[in-house]
N, C-alpha and C. Protein backbone atom coordinates (compact mmCIF):
# COMPACT_ATOMS: atom_id res chain seq x y z
N MET A 1 0.54 -1.44 0.01
CA MET A 1 -0.16 -0.27 -0.15
C MET A 1 0.61 1.52 -0.04
N SER A 2 0.53 2.04 -0.80
CA SER A 2 0.69 3.44 -1.32
C SER A 2 0.65 4.47 -1.44
N HIS A 3 0.31 5.58 -0.95
CA HIS A 3 -0.56 6.33 -1.37
C HIS A 3 0.20 8.09 -0.61
N PRO A 4 -0.01 8.99 -1.55
CA PRO A 4 1.34 9.65 -1.79
C PRO A 4 0.78 10.78 0.20
N PRO A 5 1.57 11.64 0.35
CA PRO A 5 1.22 12.40 2.08
C PRO A 5 -0.02 13.07 1.37
N THR A 6 -0.47 13.74 0.03
CA THR A 6 -1.01 14.65 0.46
C THR A 6 -1.84 13.86 0.05
N GLN A 7 -2.33 13.16 -0.86
CA GLN A 7 -3.22 11.58 -0.88
C GLN A 7 -4.14 11.52 0.87
N ILE A 8 -2.95 11.23 1.39
CA ILE A 8 -3.52 11.34 2.41
C ILE A 8 -3.93 11.76 3.58
N ARG A 9 -4.05 13.96 3.80
CA ARG A 9 -4.51 14.24 4.28
C ARG A 9 -5.86 14.91 3.83
N ARG A 10 -5.42 14.90 2.05
CA ARG A 10 -6.87 14.95 1.69
C ARG A 10 -7.57 14.45 1.91
N ALA A 11 -7.71 13.20 2.35
CA ALA A 11 -8.83 11.23 2.89
C ALA A 11 -8.55 12.21 4.05
N PHE A 12 -8.19 12.12 5.02
CA PHE A 12 -8.67 11.70 6.52
C PHE A 12 -9.55 13.37 6.34
N VAL A 13 -10.04 15.30 6.11
CA VAL A 13 -9.99 16.36 5.40
C VAL A 13 -11.71 15.46 5.92
N ASP A 14 -11.44 14.43 3.81
CA ASP A 14 -12.70 14.58 4.01
C ASP A 14 -13.54 13.29 4.71
N ALA A 15 -12.84 12.44 4.88
CA ALA A 15 -13.82 11.37 5.73
C ALA A 15 -14.05 12.53 7.21
N ALA A 16 -13.06 13.13 7.79
CA ALA A 16 -14.23 13.73 9.36
C ALA A 16 -14.88 14.81 8.79
N ASN A 17 -15.52 15.15 7.49
CA ASN A 17 -16.55 15.70 7.55
C ASN A 17 -17.34 15.52 6.35
N SER A 18 -17.02 13.98 6.19
CA SER A 18 -18.17 12.56 5.98
C SER A 18 -18.90 12.12 7.33
N PHE A 19 -18.35 12.30 8.46
CA PHE A 19 -18.27 11.73 9.50
C PHE A 19 -19.34 12.91 10.20
N LEU A 20 -18.77 13.67 10.76
CA LEU A 20 -19.82 14.97 10.89
C LEU A 20 -21.22 14.97 10.00
N GLU A 21 -21.04 15.52 8.63
CA GLU A 21 -22.75 15.16 8.31
C GLU A 21 -23.44 13.71 8.93
N THR A 22 -22.78 12.89 8.38
CA THR A 22 -23.62 11.92 9.36
C THR A 22 -23.99 12.12 10.97
N ALA A 23 -22.87 12.10 11.44
CA ALA A 23 -23.28 12.73 13.06
C ALA A 23 -24.76 13.32 13.36
N ALA A 24 -24.12 14.49 11.96
CA ALA A 24 -25.53 15.60 12.31
C ALA A 24 -27.31 15.24 12.16
N LEU A 25 -27.28 13.96 11.14
CA LEU A 25 -28.08 13.82 10.90
C LEU A 25 -29.02 12.45 12.18
N ILE A 26 -28.61 12.54 13.22
CA ILE A 26 -28.54 12.12 14.88
C ILE A 26 -29.65 12.56 15.23
N GLY A 27 -30.73 12.28 15.74
CA GLY A 27 -31.77 13.40 16.41
C GLY A 27 -31.38 12.95 17.49
N ALA A 28 -32.01 14.44 18.54
CA ALA A 28 -31.65 14.38 20.52
C ALA A 28 -31.79 13.32 20.69
N ASP A 29 -32.86 13.02 20.70
CA ASP A 29 -33.29 11.22 21.20
C ASP A 29 -32.62 10.76 20.60
N GLN A 30 -31.98 10.72 20.19
CA GLN A 30 -31.09 9.10 19.75
C GLN A 30 -30.16 9.03 19.87
N TRP A 31 -29.29 9.47 20.93
CA TRP A 31 -27.86 9.04 20.91
C TRP A 31 -27.84 7.90 22.34
N GLY A 32 -28.59 7.83 22.63
CA GLY A 32 -29.16 6.67 23.77
C GLY A 32 -29.03 5.67 23.20
N ASP A 33 -29.62 5.44 21.43
CA ASP A 33 -29.78 4.06 21.09
C ASP A 33 -29.14 2.99 20.20
N VAL A 34 -28.78 1.72 20.02
CA VAL A 34 -28.10 1.04 19.31
C VAL A 34 -27.45 1.73 18.44
N GLY A 35 -26.02 1.46 18.33
CA GLY A 35 -25.41 2.12 17.79
C GLY A 35 -24.38 1.12 16.88
N THR A 36 -23.95 -0.10 17.61
CA THR A 36 -23.42 -1.16 16.71
C THR A 36 -23.92 -2.36 18.26
N ASP A 37 -23.22 -4.09 17.76
CA ASP A 37 -23.58 -4.40 19.16
C ASP A 37 -22.92 -4.24 20.21
N GLN A 38 -22.00 -3.63 20.23
CA GLN A 38 -21.13 -3.82 21.74
C GLN A 38 -22.25 -1.80 21.79
N TRP A 39 -21.85 -0.81 21.41
CA TRP A 39 -21.29 0.36 22.08
C TRP A 39 -23.20 0.69 21.45
N SER A 40 -23.45 2.38 21.82
CA SER A 40 -24.49 2.56 21.86
C SER A 40 -24.49 3.98 20.64
N MET A 41 -25.31 4.39 20.19
CA MET A 41 -24.94 6.06 19.03
C MET A 41 -24.32 6.84 19.91
N ILE A 42 -24.14 7.38 21.52
CA ILE A 42 -23.11 7.82 21.40
C ILE A 42 -21.63 7.26 22.00
N GLU A 43 -22.21 6.47 22.27
CA GLU A 43 -20.60 5.82 22.11
C GLU A 43 -19.67 5.39 21.40
N LEU A 44 -20.00 4.20 20.13
CA LEU A 44 -19.74 4.88 18.57
C LEU A 44 -19.66 5.87 18.28
N PHE A 45 -20.60 7.48 18.50
CA PHE A 45 -19.60 8.93 17.91
C PHE A 45 -18.59 9.08 18.88
N ALA A 46 -18.16 9.47 20.94
CA ALA A 46 -17.77 9.36 21.23
C ALA A 46 -16.35 8.90 20.10
N HIS A 47 -16.17 7.54 20.40
CA HIS A 47 -14.95 6.43 20.25
C HIS A 47 -14.46 6.70 18.57
N THR A 48 -14.52 7.52 18.03
CA THR A 48 -14.92 8.14 16.30
C THR A 48 -14.29 8.99 16.32
N ALA A 49 -14.87 10.64 17.17
CA ALA A 49 -14.61 11.21 16.83
C ALA A 49 -13.31 11.66 18.21
N ARG A 50 -13.03 10.48 19.98
CA ARG A 50 -12.10 10.42 20.42
C ARG A 50 -10.69 10.32 19.45
N GLY A 51 -10.93 9.59 18.68
CA GLY A 51 -9.83 8.58 17.19
C GLY A 51 -9.33 9.52 16.46
N MET A 52 -9.46 10.95 15.99
CA MET A 52 -9.39 12.42 15.59
C MET A 52 -8.15 13.27 16.94
N ASN A 53 -8.63 13.15 18.27
CA ASN A 53 -8.58 13.15 19.10
C ASN A 53 -6.50 13.16 19.63
N VAL A 54 -7.04 11.75 19.87
CA VAL A 54 -6.03 11.70 20.07
C VAL A 54 -5.02 11.66 18.81
N ILE A 55 -4.47 11.91 18.25
CA ILE A 55 -3.51 12.28 16.44
C ILE A 55 -2.94 13.56 17.31
N GLY A 56 -3.50 14.73 17.80
CA GLY A 56 -3.01 16.00 19.32
C GLY A 56 -2.14 15.13 19.82
N ASP A 57 -2.51 14.40 20.98
CA ASP A 57 -2.80 13.99 22.61
C ASP A 57 -0.47 13.48 21.59
N TYR A 58 -0.56 12.75 20.62
CA TYR A 58 0.55 11.67 20.18
C TYR A 58 1.52 13.02 19.93
N LEU A 59 1.44 13.48 19.43
CA LEU A 59 2.30 14.64 18.03
C LEU A 59 2.42 15.43 19.87
N ASP A 60 2.34 15.89 20.69
CA ASP A 60 2.07 16.06 22.13
C ASP A 60 4.18 15.63 22.97
N VAL A 61 3.80 14.49 22.34
CA VAL A 61 4.82 13.85 23.10
C VAL A 61 5.78 14.00 22.79
N GLU A 62 7.15 15.10 22.80
CA GLU A 62 8.16 15.01 22.38
C GLU A 62 9.01 13.98 22.57
N LEU A 63 9.65 13.51 20.78
CA LEU A 63 10.57 12.37 20.76
C LEU A 63 12.20 12.98 20.43
N ASP A 64 12.79 12.04 20.68
CA ASP A 64 14.62 12.56 20.49
C ASP A 64 14.45 12.41 19.34
N PRO A 65 15.10 14.05 18.28
CA PRO A 65 15.00 13.77 17.50
C PRO A 65 16.05 12.58 16.36
N SER A 66 16.44 11.81 17.37
CA SER A 66 16.73 10.75 16.33
C SER A 66 16.01 9.73 16.82
N THR A 67 15.08 9.42 16.80
CA THR A 67 14.05 8.83 16.98
C THR A 67 13.84 8.20 15.29
N THR A 68 13.61 6.49 15.14
CA THR A 68 13.27 6.35 13.68
C THR A 68 11.58 5.50 14.33
N ALA A 69 10.70 5.72 12.59
CA ALA A 69 10.07 4.67 12.51
C ALA A 69 10.27 2.80 13.17
N THR A 70 9.17 2.25 13.75
CA THR A 70 9.84 0.62 13.84
C THR A 70 8.26 0.13 13.63
N VAL A 71 7.14 1.50 13.04
CA VAL A 71 6.51 0.54 11.86
C VAL A 71 5.89 1.24 10.98
N ASP A 72 6.26 -0.40 9.61
CA ASP A 72 6.83 0.19 8.14
C ASP A 72 5.75 0.55 7.04
N ASP A 73 4.26 1.18 7.72
CA ASP A 73 3.29 1.02 7.23
C ASP A 73 2.25 1.71 8.03
N ALA A 74 0.92 1.61 7.95
CA ALA A 74 -0.43 1.36 8.39
C ALA A 74 -0.61 0.62 8.40
N SER A 75 -0.86 -0.61 7.17
CA SER A 75 -1.22 -1.80 7.62
C SER A 75 -0.23 -3.12 8.19
N ASP A 76 1.45 -2.30 8.66
CA ASP A 76 1.89 -2.73 9.26
C ASP A 76 1.20 -2.46 11.36
N TYR A 77 0.77 -0.59 11.42
CA TYR A 77 0.60 -0.72 12.53
C TYR A 77 -0.93 -1.73 12.99
N PHE A 78 -1.30 -1.65 11.96
CA PHE A 78 -2.88 -2.35 12.50
C PHE A 78 -2.26 -3.97 12.71
N ARG A 79 -1.66 -4.61 12.06
CA ARG A 79 -0.95 -6.38 12.44
C ARG A 79 -0.32 -6.08 13.71
N ILE A 80 0.44 -4.83 14.78
CA ILE A 80 0.65 -5.04 15.29
C ILE A 80 -0.04 -4.92 16.79
N ALA A 81 -1.06 -3.58 16.28
CA ALA A 81 -2.07 -2.73 17.04
C ALA A 81 -3.34 -4.36 17.53
N LEU A 82 -3.38 -5.07 16.55
CA LEU A 82 -5.03 -6.36 16.71
C LEU A 82 -3.65 -7.49 16.93
N SER A 83 -2.60 -7.31 16.76
CA SER A 83 -1.76 -9.07 18.03
C SER A 83 -1.83 -8.53 18.68
N ILE A 84 -2.51 -6.92 19.73
CA ILE A 84 -2.37 -7.17 21.61
C ILE A 84 -2.89 -7.72 22.38
N GLU A 85 -2.79 -7.87 23.18
CA GLU A 85 -4.37 -9.58 24.05
C GLU A 85 -4.92 -8.17 24.64
N GLY A 86 -6.41 -8.79 24.48
CA GLY A 86 -6.79 -7.81 24.96
C GLY A 86 -7.40 -6.17 24.83
N VAL A 87 -6.70 -6.08 23.23
CA VAL A 87 -6.94 -4.66 22.31
C VAL A 87 -8.87 -4.00 22.30
N HIS A 88 -9.04 -5.54 21.67
CA HIS A 88 -10.81 -4.72 21.69
C HIS A 88 -11.08 -4.66 23.26
N GLU A 89 -11.10 -5.25 24.01
CA GLU A 89 -11.91 -4.79 24.92
C GLU A 89 -11.49 -3.31 25.76
N GLY A 90 -10.29 -2.50 25.69
CA GLY A 90 -9.68 -1.76 25.52
C GLY A 90 -10.45 -0.95 25.45
N VAL A 91 -9.81 -0.65 23.47
CA VAL A 91 -10.78 0.42 22.86
C VAL A 91 -12.31 0.42 23.27
N ALA A 92 -13.05 -0.61 23.69
CA ALA A 92 -15.04 -0.02 23.97
C ALA A 92 -14.37 0.25 25.20
N GLN A 93 -13.79 -0.28 26.58
CA GLN A 93 -13.33 0.71 27.40
C GLN A 93 -13.17 2.39 27.15
N ARG A 94 -12.31 2.07 26.50
CA ARG A 94 -11.71 3.73 26.16
C ARG A 94 -13.34 5.19 25.56
N ALA A 95 -14.02 3.53 24.57
CA ALA A 95 -14.67 4.59 24.19
C ALA A 95 -16.08 4.93 24.72
N VAL A 96 -16.47 3.92 25.79
CA VAL A 96 -16.98 4.34 27.29
C VAL A 96 -17.16 5.31 27.52
N ALA A 97 -16.26 5.31 27.81
CA ALA A 97 -15.21 6.44 29.23
C ALA A 97 -15.13 8.11 28.57
N ALA A 98 -14.52 7.91 27.20
CA ALA A 98 -14.78 9.04 26.16
C ALA A 98 -16.20 10.15 26.41
N VAL A 99 -16.89 9.23 26.15
CA VAL A 99 -18.69 9.96 26.29
C VAL A 99 -18.81 11.10 27.01
N GLU A 100 -18.08 11.29 27.78
CA GLU A 100 -18.37 12.58 29.11
C GLU A 100 -17.29 13.79 28.76
N LEU A 101 -16.32 13.20 27.23
CA LEU A 101 -15.78 14.57 26.38
C LEU A 101 -17.09 15.00 25.66
N PHE A 102 -18.36 14.15 25.36
CA PHE A 102 -19.07 15.05 24.22
C PHE A 102 -20.24 14.28 24.82
N ARG A 103 -20.38 14.93 25.92
CA ARG A 103 -22.71 14.03 26.61
C ARG A 103 -22.77 15.75 26.55
N ASP A 104 -22.58 17.04 26.91
CA ASP A 104 -23.18 18.10 27.23
C ASP A 104 -22.89 19.04 25.66
N ASP A 105 -21.82 18.72 24.86
CA ASP A 105 -22.58 19.41 23.33
C ASP A 105 -21.82 18.21 22.01
N PRO A 106 -22.26 17.41 22.19
CA PRO A 106 -20.67 16.05 21.15
C PRO A 106 -21.34 16.41 19.69
N LEU A 107 -22.21 17.81 19.17
CA LEU A 107 -21.54 18.06 17.40
C LEU A 107 -20.54 19.10 17.55
N GLY A 108 -20.44 19.95 18.40
CA GLY A 108 -19.16 20.98 18.39
C GLY A 108 -18.25 20.86 19.57
N THR A 109 -18.42 19.94 20.05
CA THR A 109 -17.13 19.13 20.59
C THR A 109 -16.87 18.48 19.58
N ALA A 110 -17.09 18.22 18.35
CA ALA A 110 -17.25 16.98 17.92
C ALA A 110 -16.03 17.86 16.32
N ARG A 111 -16.98 19.14 16.03
CA ARG A 111 -16.31 19.88 15.64
C ARG A 111 -15.01 21.06 15.62
N GLU A 112 -14.96 20.64 17.53
CA GLU A 112 -13.88 21.54 17.35
C GLU A 112 -12.93 21.01 17.48
N ILE A 113 -12.84 19.39 17.78
CA ILE A 113 -11.73 18.88 17.39
C ILE A 113 -11.02 18.82 16.10
N ALA A 114 -12.02 18.17 15.15
CA ALA A 114 -11.64 18.38 14.26
C ALA A 114 -11.65 19.40 13.27
N ASP A 115 -11.15 21.02 13.46
CA ASP A 115 -11.21 22.17 13.26
C ASP A 115 -9.53 21.90 13.96
N ARG A 116 -9.19 22.22 14.67
CA ARG A 116 -8.28 22.55 15.78
C ARG A 116 -7.27 21.17 14.87
N ILE A 117 -7.72 19.86 14.91
CA ILE A 117 -7.04 18.59 14.71
C ILE A 117 -6.74 18.79 12.80
N GLY A 118 -7.50 19.18 12.42
CA GLY A 118 -7.04 19.54 10.82
C GLY A 118 -5.88 20.86 10.77
N ASP A 119 -6.01 21.42 12.13
CA ASP A 119 -5.30 22.34 11.48
C ASP A 119 -3.60 21.45 11.47
N ARG A 120 -3.68 21.02 12.28
CA ARG A 120 -1.89 20.18 12.97
C ARG A 120 -2.00 19.54 11.99
N VAL A 121 -2.44 18.50 11.27
CA VAL A 121 -2.23 18.06 9.87
C VAL A 121 -1.87 18.53 8.86
N ALA A 122 -3.04 19.79 9.05
CA ALA A 122 -1.60 20.66 7.83
C ALA A 122 -0.83 21.03 8.09
N SER A 123 -0.15 21.57 9.24
CA SER A 123 1.35 21.99 9.62
C SER A 123 2.58 20.65 9.90
N THR A 124 1.71 18.98 10.03
CA THR A 124 3.17 18.31 10.42
C THR A 124 3.74 17.99 9.65
N PRO A 125 4.73 17.17 9.90
CA PRO A 125 5.96 17.01 8.04
C PRO A 125 5.47 15.96 8.04
N ASP A 126 5.25 15.83 6.97
CA ASP A 126 5.22 13.79 6.87
C ASP A 126 5.83 12.99 7.54
N ASP A 127 6.87 13.51 7.95
CA ASP A 127 8.18 11.43 7.56
C ASP A 127 8.05 12.35 9.29
N ARG A 128 7.62 13.24 10.10
CA ARG A 128 7.57 13.51 11.48
C ARG A 128 7.68 11.99 12.48
N VAL A 129 8.53 11.41 13.32
CA VAL A 129 8.09 10.33 14.06
C VAL A 129 7.14 10.73 15.33
N MET A 130 6.47 9.65 15.48
CA MET A 130 5.19 10.32 16.38
C MET A 130 5.05 8.40 17.32
N LYS A 131 5.46 8.25 18.73
CA LYS A 131 5.98 7.51 19.52
C LYS A 131 3.75 7.66 19.22
N VAL A 132 3.31 6.05 18.96
CA VAL A 132 1.76 5.98 19.01
C VAL A 132 1.59 4.37 20.37
N PHE A 133 0.67 3.89 21.20
CA PHE A 133 0.63 2.63 22.11
C PHE A 133 1.26 1.62 21.29
N VAL A 134 1.61 1.85 19.96
CA VAL A 134 2.00 0.41 20.15
C VAL A 134 3.60 0.29 19.01
N ALA A 135 4.35 2.11 18.50
CA ALA A 135 5.03 2.15 18.42
C ALA A 135 5.45 3.15 17.91
N THR A 136 6.29 3.12 17.34
CA THR A 136 7.08 5.07 16.81
C THR A 136 6.26 4.24 14.92
N ILE A 137 6.09 5.50 14.05
CA ILE A 137 5.40 5.47 13.14
C ILE A 137 5.87 7.23 12.80
N ARG A 138 5.43 7.20 11.72
CA ARG A 138 5.70 8.56 10.16
C ARG A 138 4.43 8.68 10.33
N PHE A 139 3.95 10.10 10.68
CA PHE A 139 3.17 10.71 10.10
C PHE A 139 2.19 10.67 9.17
N SER A 140 2.78 10.36 8.14
CA SER A 140 1.33 10.63 7.17
C SER A 140 0.96 9.31 7.60
N ASP A 141 1.66 8.06 7.30
CA ASP A 141 1.30 6.79 8.23
C ASP A 141 0.41 6.38 8.79
N TYR A 142 0.40 6.59 9.89
CA TYR A 142 -0.96 6.49 11.08
C TYR A 142 -2.24 7.82 10.66
N LEU A 143 -2.03 8.76 9.79
CA LEU A 143 -3.27 9.63 9.11
C LEU A 143 -3.45 8.84 8.24
N ALA A 144 -3.01 7.90 8.02
CA ALA A 144 -3.57 7.08 7.08
C ALA A 144 -4.36 5.40 8.27
N THR A 145 -4.12 5.26 9.24
CA THR A 145 -5.36 4.42 9.92
C THR A 145 -6.36 5.59 10.30
N ARG A 146 -6.05 6.66 10.64
CA ARG A 146 -7.66 7.34 10.94
C ARG A 146 -8.63 7.42 9.57
N VAL A 147 -8.24 7.47 9.17
CA VAL A 147 -8.71 7.58 8.58
C VAL A 147 -9.85 6.19 7.69
N VAL A 148 -9.21 5.29 7.65
CA VAL A 148 -9.61 4.10 8.13
C VAL A 148 -10.97 4.16 9.25
N GLU A 149 -10.34 4.05 10.37
CA GLU A 149 -11.30 4.46 11.27
C GLU A 149 -12.61 5.43 11.03
N LEU A 150 -12.66 6.37 10.83
CA LEU A 150 -13.34 7.51 10.34
C LEU A 150 -14.34 6.49 9.66
N VAL A 151 -13.44 5.86 8.69
CA VAL A 151 -14.43 5.26 7.32
C VAL A 151 -15.68 4.76 8.26
N LEU A 152 -15.06 3.25 8.29
CA LEU A 152 -15.71 2.73 8.82
C LEU A 152 -16.51 2.97 10.54
N HIS A 153 -16.69 3.46 11.43
CA HIS A 153 -16.86 3.53 11.69
C HIS A 153 -18.59 4.98 11.45
N THR A 154 -18.21 6.00 10.22
CA THR A 154 -19.39 6.75 9.64
C THR A 154 -19.90 5.73 9.21
N PHE A 155 -19.73 4.62 8.56
CA PHE A 155 -20.60 3.46 8.34
C PHE A 155 -20.99 2.70 9.34
N ASP A 156 -20.77 2.46 10.26
CA ASP A 156 -21.40 2.35 11.30
C ASP A 156 -22.17 3.28 11.59
N LEU A 157 -22.30 4.88 11.95
CA LEU A 157 -23.59 5.63 12.11
C LEU A 157 -24.60 5.08 11.16
N GLN A 158 -23.73 5.40 9.91
CA GLN A 158 -25.03 5.39 8.95
C GLN A 158 -26.53 3.97 9.06
N LEU A 159 -24.80 3.03 8.88
CA LEU A 159 -26.05 1.45 9.13
C LEU A 159 -27.61 1.50 10.35
N ALA A 160 -26.93 2.19 11.22
CA ALA A 160 -27.65 2.43 13.05
C ALA A 160 -28.46 3.79 11.96
N LEU A 161 -28.30 4.63 11.33
CA LEU A 161 -29.71 5.64 10.98
C LEU A 161 -30.04 5.23 9.61
N GLY A 162 -30.35 3.94 9.14
CA GLY A 162 -30.41 3.25 8.36
C GLY A 162 -30.91 3.82 7.00
N LEU A 163 -29.06 4.89 6.64
CA LEU A 163 -29.17 5.72 5.60
C LEU A 163 -28.34 5.42 4.49
N GLU A 164 -27.68 5.56 3.47
CA GLU A 164 -27.59 4.76 2.46
C GLU A 164 -25.58 4.54 3.01
N LEU A 165 -24.97 3.55 2.67
CA LEU A 165 -23.81 4.14 3.42
C LEU A 165 -22.26 4.96 1.88
N THR A 166 -22.59 5.72 2.96
CA THR A 166 -21.46 6.04 1.23
C THR A 166 -20.49 6.87 2.07
N ALA A 167 -19.01 7.36 1.10
CA ALA A 167 -17.72 7.58 1.73
C ALA A 167 -17.90 8.67 0.48
N PRO A 168 -16.41 9.05 1.21
CA PRO A 168 -15.40 10.47 -0.20
C PRO A 168 -14.64 8.80 -0.55
N ALA A 169 -14.67 9.41 -1.92
CA ALA A 169 -13.38 7.96 -3.15
C ALA A 169 -12.54 8.73 -3.24
N THR A 170 -11.68 9.72 -2.12
CA THR A 170 -10.28 10.14 -1.79
C THR A 170 -9.87 8.80 -0.19
N SER A 171 -10.82 8.77 0.49
CA SER A 171 -10.49 8.00 1.68
C SER A 171 -11.42 6.57 1.51
N LEU A 172 -11.99 6.11 0.45
CA LEU A 172 -12.82 5.13 0.71
C LEU A 172 -11.39 4.58 -0.25
N ASP A 173 -10.55 4.89 -0.73
CA ASP A 173 -9.46 4.15 -1.90
C ASP A 173 -8.36 4.04 -0.25
N ILE A 174 -7.67 3.92 0.48
CA ILE A 174 -7.62 4.62 1.24
C ILE A 174 -7.74 3.09 2.10
N VAL A 175 -8.74 3.11 2.13
CA VAL A 175 -9.08 1.99 3.26
C VAL A 175 -8.88 1.20 2.50
N VAL A 176 -9.63 0.56 1.12
CA VAL A 176 -9.82 -0.43 1.05
C VAL A 176 -8.78 -1.39 1.06
N ASP A 177 -7.43 0.04 -0.04
CA ASP A 177 -5.97 -0.73 0.29
C ASP A 177 -5.41 -1.75 1.53
N ILE A 178 -5.32 -0.52 2.18
CA ILE A 178 -5.14 -0.85 3.12
C ILE A 178 -6.17 -2.51 3.95
N LEU A 179 -7.20 -2.34 3.57
CA LEU A 179 -7.98 -3.65 4.21
C LEU A 179 -7.56 -4.71 3.45
N THR A 180 -7.56 -4.29 2.03
CA THR A 180 -7.10 -6.18 1.26
C THR A 180 -5.68 -5.70 1.68
N SER A 181 -5.04 -5.49 2.39
CA SER A 181 -2.80 -5.74 2.53
C SER A 181 -3.53 -6.64 4.15
N LEU A 182 -4.53 -6.30 4.41
CA LEU A 182 -5.06 -7.21 5.94
C LEU A 182 -5.28 -9.55 5.60
N ALA A 183 -6.06 -8.86 3.39
CA ALA A 183 -6.50 -10.25 3.73
C ALA A 183 -5.95 -11.10 3.99
N ASP A 184 -5.38 -11.66 4.47
CA ASP A 184 -4.05 -13.07 5.30
C ASP A 184 -5.18 -12.83 6.32
N ARG A 185 -5.64 -12.11 7.36
CA ARG A 185 -5.97 -11.78 8.25
C ARG A 185 -6.81 -12.53 8.31
N ALA A 186 -8.29 -12.88 7.08
CA ALA A 186 -9.82 -13.48 7.30
C ALA A 186 -8.70 -14.53 6.83
N GLU A 187 -10.28 -15.65 7.86
CA GLU A 187 -10.29 -16.95 7.49
C GLU A 187 -10.74 -16.71 6.04
N PRO A 188 -9.68 -17.62 5.67
CA PRO A 188 -10.02 -17.97 4.07
C PRO A 188 -11.34 -18.02 3.18
N VAL A 189 -12.29 -19.17 3.51
CA VAL A 189 -12.80 -19.76 3.05
C VAL A 189 -14.49 -18.45 3.14
N ALA A 190 -13.87 -17.63 4.49
CA ALA A 190 -15.33 -16.32 4.29
C ALA A 190 -14.67 -15.02 3.61
N LEU A 191 -13.55 -15.25 3.76
CA LEU A 191 -12.46 -13.66 2.28
C LEU A 191 -13.35 -14.41 0.37
N ALA A 192 -12.91 -15.47 0.30
CA ALA A 192 -13.89 -16.55 -0.76
C ALA A 192 -15.37 -15.91 -0.94
N LEU A 193 -15.80 -16.03 0.18
CA LEU A 193 -17.53 -15.78 0.02
C LEU A 193 -17.51 -14.21 -0.12
N ALA A 194 -16.89 -13.89 0.87
CA ALA A 194 -17.24 -12.49 0.85
C ALA A 194 -16.46 -11.29 -0.57
N LEU A 195 -15.63 -12.33 -0.83
CA LEU A 195 -15.01 -10.91 -2.93
C LEU A 195 -16.25 -11.68 -3.65
N SER A 196 -16.93 -12.87 -3.42
CA SER A 196 -17.28 -13.90 -4.42
C SER A 196 -18.92 -12.72 -4.85
N GLY A 197 -19.35 -12.43 -3.81
CA GLY A 197 -20.93 -12.43 -3.18
C GLY A 197 -21.79 -12.85 -2.14
N ARG A 198 -21.12 -13.04 -1.22
CA ARG A 198 -21.88 -14.32 -0.15
C ARG A 198 -21.31 -14.09 1.25
N ALA A 199 -21.58 -13.03 1.36
CA ALA A 199 -21.17 -12.56 2.72
C ALA A 199 -21.65 -12.93 3.55
N SER A 200 -22.89 -13.02 3.47
CA SER A 200 -24.12 -13.02 4.24
C SER A 200 -23.98 -14.90 4.40
N LEU A 201 -23.28 -15.01 4.18
CA LEU A 201 -23.31 -16.41 4.98
C LEU A 201 -22.01 -16.74 5.91
N ARG A 202 -21.53 -16.26 5.49
CA ARG A 202 -19.91 -15.80 6.12
C ARG A 202 -19.48 -15.39 6.73
N VAL A 203 -19.13 -14.30 7.86
CA VAL A 203 -18.86 -13.15 8.55
C VAL A 203 -17.08 -13.17 7.54
N CYS A 204 -16.37 -11.95 7.52
CA CYS A 204 -14.91 -12.14 6.54
C CYS A 204 -14.36 -10.65 7.64
N ASN A 205 -14.31 -10.87 8.20
CA ASN A 205 -13.03 -9.10 8.79
C ASN A 205 -11.90 -9.50 9.21
N VAL A 206 -11.10 -9.18 9.48
CA VAL A 206 -9.30 -8.52 8.90
C VAL A 206 -9.45 -7.69 9.89
N LEU A 207 -10.25 -7.52 10.88
CA LEU A 207 -9.66 -6.38 12.20
C LEU A 207 -9.71 -6.77 13.05
N GLY A 208 -10.45 -8.51 13.09
CA GLY A 208 -10.74 -8.87 14.04
C GLY A 208 -9.95 -9.94 15.52
């Protein structure tokens, strides 16, 4: 998987806007509704918005200028992160905890985060090395992982709201490339069924 950093930046901005536009369709009485089989709507929303906010948190960590990236690319990041024991349980817990940040004004808080992080994305060098919870990674590669999170969880919101599934082409291009690069993580029969239009017969999940 190889995308120019300028495309990744554009994809992130487009994905963030798509998330905010979808979230704006959540009714005031729907925040407690089911978002996924694991989260309520507000928990799903908070997890997704938090995924943008952590970019700034990681950029705030000062590293020695000689620090190099130990993760090859966005796909490698997911491979390492998903191999950590209890990773999904930890994600779920952080999503629930993040709700408090968005309780009073979900959309307003998320828009403020998107604007603030958007400015930092625009001003951060592509090769800036960041310390994330699994390793060290180049900024442009980590940003690509945020595009994946934004697009997939925006799909989750659209499904929960009964909307047509849509995503910006710029963002979806990156998501598809990263997910297909992880195809070896899928159970082979499930993957074959999914790629041949028979996905309803067996679940295929490269991020599980």
